[in-house]
Amino acid sequence: LDGPAAGGRVRLYEPDWQDEPVDFLSAASAEFDATGVVRTARRCLAAVETADPALFVGVELASADDEARARPLDALG
């Protein structure tokens, strides 16, 4: 990482089921499935310090080579 090391408080939580971005998650799931390298994917909301919450998606890959790491990012554009 560039710059000095610093920390911040991050609050993680699940979205309210009524606010779940179902269309996005369905599309992302199909794109991840098509890559052939995503084993699992999980989502959460995270609020860093006083910032508004943002949706984060984490993936577990079937292999850890550089090409496999790039494919999920390429899939979502």
N, C-alpha and C. Protein backbone atom coordinates (compact mmCIF):
# COMPACT_ATOMS: atom_id res chain seq x y z
N LEU A 1 0.84 -1.18 0.00
CA LEU A 1 0.00 0.00 0.00
C LEU A 1 0.87 1.24 0.00
N ASP A 2 0.47 2.22 -0.73
CA ASP A 2 1.18 3.49 -0.75
C ASP A 2 0.76 4.34 0.45
N GLY A 3 1.70 5.12 0.95
CA GLY A 3 1.38 6.02 2.04
C GLY A 3 1.56 5.39 3.40
N PRO A 4 1.38 6.20 4.43
CA PRO A 4 1.55 5.70 5.80
C PRO A 4 0.44 4.73 6.19
N ALA A 5 0.78 3.83 7.08
CA ALA A 5 -0.22 2.87 7.57
C ALA A 5 -1.17 3.61 8.52
N ALA A 6 -2.43 3.40 8.32
CA ALA A 6 -3.44 4.01 9.18
C ALA A 6 -4.62 3.06 9.26
N GLY A 7 -5.40 3.22 10.26
CA GLY A 7 -6.55 2.34 10.43
C GLY A 7 -7.84 3.13 10.47
N GLY A 8 -8.91 2.42 10.33
CA GLY A 8 -10.22 3.03 10.40
C GLY A 8 -11.23 2.00 10.85
N ARG A 9 -12.27 2.45 11.48
CA ARG A 9 -13.32 1.53 11.91
C ARG A 9 -14.24 1.20 10.74
N VAL A 10 -14.50 -0.07 10.58
CA VAL A 10 -15.39 -0.54 9.52
C VAL A 10 -16.50 -1.34 10.16
N ARG A 11 -17.73 -0.96 9.85
CA ARG A 11 -18.89 -1.69 10.36
C ARG A 11 -19.46 -2.52 9.21
N LEU A 12 -19.54 -3.84 9.42
CA LEU A 12 -20.08 -4.75 8.41
C LEU A 12 -21.45 -5.23 8.85
N TYR A 13 -22.36 -5.32 7.90
CA TYR A 13 -23.68 -5.85 8.22
C TYR A 13 -24.37 -6.31 6.95
N GLU A 14 -25.41 -7.11 7.11
CA GLU A 14 -26.20 -7.59 5.98
C GLU A 14 -27.24 -6.55 5.62
N PRO A 15 -27.52 -6.39 4.32
CA PRO A 15 -28.58 -5.46 3.93
C PRO A 15 -29.93 -5.96 4.43
N ASP A 16 -30.82 -5.02 4.67
CA ASP A 16 -32.20 -5.38 4.98
C ASP A 16 -32.76 -6.15 3.80
N TRP A 17 -33.50 -7.19 4.05
CA TRP A 17 -34.00 -8.03 2.95
C TRP A 17 -34.86 -7.24 1.97
N GLN A 18 -35.48 -6.16 2.43
CA GLN A 18 -36.31 -5.35 1.54
C GLN A 18 -35.47 -4.43 0.65
N ASP A 19 -34.21 -4.20 1.04
CA ASP A 19 -33.32 -3.33 0.27
C ASP A 19 -32.28 -4.12 -0.52
N GLU A 20 -32.38 -5.44 -0.48
CA GLU A 20 -31.41 -6.31 -1.17
C GLU A 20 -31.41 -6.00 -2.67
N PRO A 21 -30.24 -5.78 -3.26
CA PRO A 21 -30.16 -5.51 -4.71
C PRO A 21 -30.26 -6.81 -5.52
N VAL A 22 -31.43 -7.39 -5.54
CA VAL A 22 -31.66 -8.72 -6.11
C VAL A 22 -31.26 -8.79 -7.58
N ASP A 23 -31.62 -7.78 -8.36
CA ASP A 23 -31.29 -7.81 -9.79
C ASP A 23 -29.77 -7.82 -10.01
N PHE A 24 -29.06 -6.96 -9.27
CA PHE A 24 -27.60 -6.92 -9.39
C PHE A 24 -26.99 -8.25 -8.97
N LEU A 25 -27.43 -8.79 -7.84
CA LEU A 25 -26.85 -10.04 -7.35
C LEU A 25 -27.13 -11.20 -8.29
N SER A 26 -28.29 -11.23 -8.90
CA SER A 26 -28.60 -12.28 -9.88
C SER A 26 -27.70 -12.17 -11.09
N ALA A 27 -27.52 -10.95 -11.59
CA ALA A 27 -26.65 -10.74 -12.75
C ALA A 27 -25.20 -11.07 -12.41
N ALA A 28 -24.73 -10.65 -11.23
CA ALA A 28 -23.36 -10.95 -10.82
C ALA A 28 -23.16 -12.45 -10.68
N SER A 29 -24.13 -13.14 -10.13
CA SER A 29 -24.04 -14.59 -9.97
C SER A 29 -23.88 -15.27 -11.32
N ALA A 30 -24.66 -14.85 -12.30
CA ALA A 30 -24.56 -15.45 -13.64
C ALA A 30 -23.20 -15.16 -14.27
N GLU A 31 -22.70 -13.94 -14.09
CA GLU A 31 -21.39 -13.58 -14.64
C GLU A 31 -20.28 -14.36 -13.95
N PHE A 32 -20.35 -14.49 -12.63
CA PHE A 32 -19.34 -15.26 -11.90
C PHE A 32 -19.36 -16.72 -12.32
N ASP A 33 -20.55 -17.28 -12.49
CA ASP A 33 -20.68 -18.67 -12.91
C ASP A 33 -20.03 -18.89 -14.28
N ALA A 34 -20.18 -17.93 -15.17
CA ALA A 34 -19.63 -18.04 -16.52
C ALA A 34 -18.10 -18.00 -16.53
N THR A 35 -17.47 -17.42 -15.50
CA THR A 35 -16.01 -17.35 -15.48
C THR A 35 -15.38 -18.72 -15.28
N GLY A 36 -16.07 -19.59 -14.57
CA GLY A 36 -15.53 -20.92 -14.28
C GLY A 36 -14.49 -20.95 -13.18
N VAL A 37 -14.21 -19.81 -12.54
CA VAL A 37 -13.19 -19.79 -11.48
C VAL A 37 -13.73 -19.39 -10.12
N VAL A 38 -14.97 -18.89 -10.05
CA VAL A 38 -15.54 -18.45 -8.77
C VAL A 38 -16.21 -19.63 -8.09
N ARG A 39 -15.68 -19.99 -6.92
CA ARG A 39 -16.25 -21.10 -6.15
C ARG A 39 -17.46 -20.63 -5.35
N THR A 40 -17.31 -19.53 -4.62
CA THR A 40 -18.42 -18.94 -3.86
C THR A 40 -18.30 -17.42 -3.91
N ALA A 41 -19.41 -16.74 -3.65
CA ALA A 41 -19.42 -15.28 -3.56
C ALA A 41 -20.32 -14.89 -2.40
N ARG A 42 -19.91 -13.84 -1.71
CA ARG A 42 -20.69 -13.34 -0.57
C ARG A 42 -20.77 -11.82 -0.66
N ARG A 43 -21.81 -11.26 -0.07
CA ARG A 43 -21.95 -9.81 -0.09
C ARG A 43 -22.22 -9.29 1.32
N CYS A 44 -21.84 -8.03 1.52
CA CYS A 44 -22.15 -7.36 2.78
C CYS A 44 -22.16 -5.86 2.52
N LEU A 45 -22.73 -5.14 3.45
CA LEU A 45 -22.62 -3.69 3.44
C LEU A 45 -21.52 -3.33 4.41
N ALA A 46 -20.73 -2.32 4.07
CA ALA A 46 -19.67 -1.86 4.94
C ALA A 46 -19.70 -0.35 5.01
N ALA A 47 -19.59 0.17 6.21
CA ALA A 47 -19.50 1.61 6.43
C ALA A 47 -18.15 1.88 7.08
N VAL A 48 -17.31 2.66 6.40
CA VAL A 48 -15.98 2.99 6.91
C VAL A 48 -16.08 4.34 7.61
N GLU A 49 -15.73 4.33 8.90
CA GLU A 49 -15.83 5.51 9.74
C GLU A 49 -17.22 6.14 9.60
N THR A 50 -17.31 7.35 9.06
CA THR A 50 -18.60 8.04 8.96
C THR A 50 -19.17 8.04 7.54
N ALA A 51 -18.55 7.31 6.64
CA ALA A 51 -19.02 7.27 5.25
C ALA A 51 -20.33 6.48 5.15
N ASP A 52 -21.06 6.74 4.08
CA ASP A 52 -22.28 5.97 3.82
C ASP A 52 -21.91 4.52 3.52
N PRO A 53 -22.78 3.58 3.84
CA PRO A 53 -22.50 2.18 3.56
C PRO A 53 -22.39 1.92 2.06
N ALA A 54 -21.53 0.97 1.72
CA ALA A 54 -21.34 0.55 0.33
C ALA A 54 -21.43 -0.97 0.28
N LEU A 55 -21.88 -1.48 -0.85
CA LEU A 55 -21.99 -2.92 -1.04
C LEU A 55 -20.64 -3.48 -1.47
N PHE A 56 -20.18 -4.52 -0.80
CA PHE A 56 -18.95 -5.22 -1.15
C PHE A 56 -19.29 -6.66 -1.48
N VAL A 57 -18.65 -7.19 -2.51
CA VAL A 57 -18.82 -8.58 -2.91
C VAL A 57 -17.45 -9.23 -2.85
N GLY A 58 -17.34 -10.30 -2.07
CA GLY A 58 -16.10 -11.07 -1.98
C GLY A 58 -16.28 -12.41 -2.66
N VAL A 59 -15.23 -12.87 -3.31
CA VAL A 59 -15.31 -14.15 -4.02
C VAL A 59 -14.21 -15.08 -3.54
N GLU A 60 -14.52 -16.37 -3.53
CA GLU A 60 -13.53 -17.43 -3.29
C GLU A 60 -13.26 -18.06 -4.64
N LEU A 61 -11.98 -18.11 -5.01
CA LEU A 61 -11.60 -18.63 -6.32
C LEU A 61 -11.18 -20.08 -6.24
N ALA A 62 -11.38 -20.80 -7.35
CA ALA A 62 -10.97 -22.20 -7.42
C ALA A 62 -9.45 -22.32 -7.50
N SER A 63 -8.77 -21.30 -8.04
CA SER A 63 -7.31 -21.29 -8.08
C SER A 63 -6.84 -19.86 -7.85
N ALA A 64 -5.58 -19.70 -7.48
CA ALA A 64 -5.08 -18.38 -7.09
C ALA A 64 -4.12 -17.78 -8.11
N ASP A 65 -4.13 -18.26 -9.35
CA ASP A 65 -3.21 -17.68 -10.33
C ASP A 65 -3.72 -16.31 -10.78
N ASP A 66 -2.84 -15.54 -11.44
CA ASP A 66 -3.18 -14.17 -11.83
C ASP A 66 -4.38 -14.09 -12.77
N GLU A 67 -4.48 -15.03 -13.70
CA GLU A 67 -5.60 -15.01 -14.64
C GLU A 67 -6.92 -15.23 -13.90
N ALA A 68 -6.93 -16.18 -12.97
CA ALA A 68 -8.15 -16.46 -12.20
C ALA A 68 -8.56 -15.25 -11.37
N ARG A 69 -7.59 -14.52 -10.85
CA ARG A 69 -7.91 -13.34 -10.05
C ARG A 69 -8.54 -12.23 -10.87
N ALA A 70 -8.16 -12.13 -12.13
CA ALA A 70 -8.68 -11.06 -12.98
C ALA A 70 -10.07 -11.36 -13.53
N ARG A 71 -10.41 -12.61 -13.67
CA ARG A 71 -11.67 -12.98 -14.34
C ARG A 71 -12.94 -12.46 -13.65
N PRO A 72 -13.07 -12.52 -12.32
CA PRO A 72 -14.29 -11.97 -11.71
C PRO A 72 -14.43 -10.46 -11.92
N LEU A 73 -13.32 -9.73 -11.86
CA LEU A 73 -13.38 -8.29 -12.10
C LEU A 73 -13.76 -8.00 -13.55
N ASP A 74 -13.18 -8.75 -14.47
CA ASP A 74 -13.52 -8.58 -15.88
C ASP A 74 -14.99 -8.92 -16.14
N ALA A 75 -15.50 -9.90 -15.43
CA ALA A 75 -16.89 -10.34 -15.64
C ALA A 75 -17.89 -9.24 -15.29
N LEU A 76 -17.57 -8.45 -14.27
CA LEU A 76 -18.49 -7.39 -13.86
C LEU A 76 -18.23 -6.07 -14.58
N GLY A 77 -17.16 -6.03 -15.37
CA GLY A 77 -16.91 -4.86 -16.22
C GLY A 77 -16.17 -3.79 -15.56
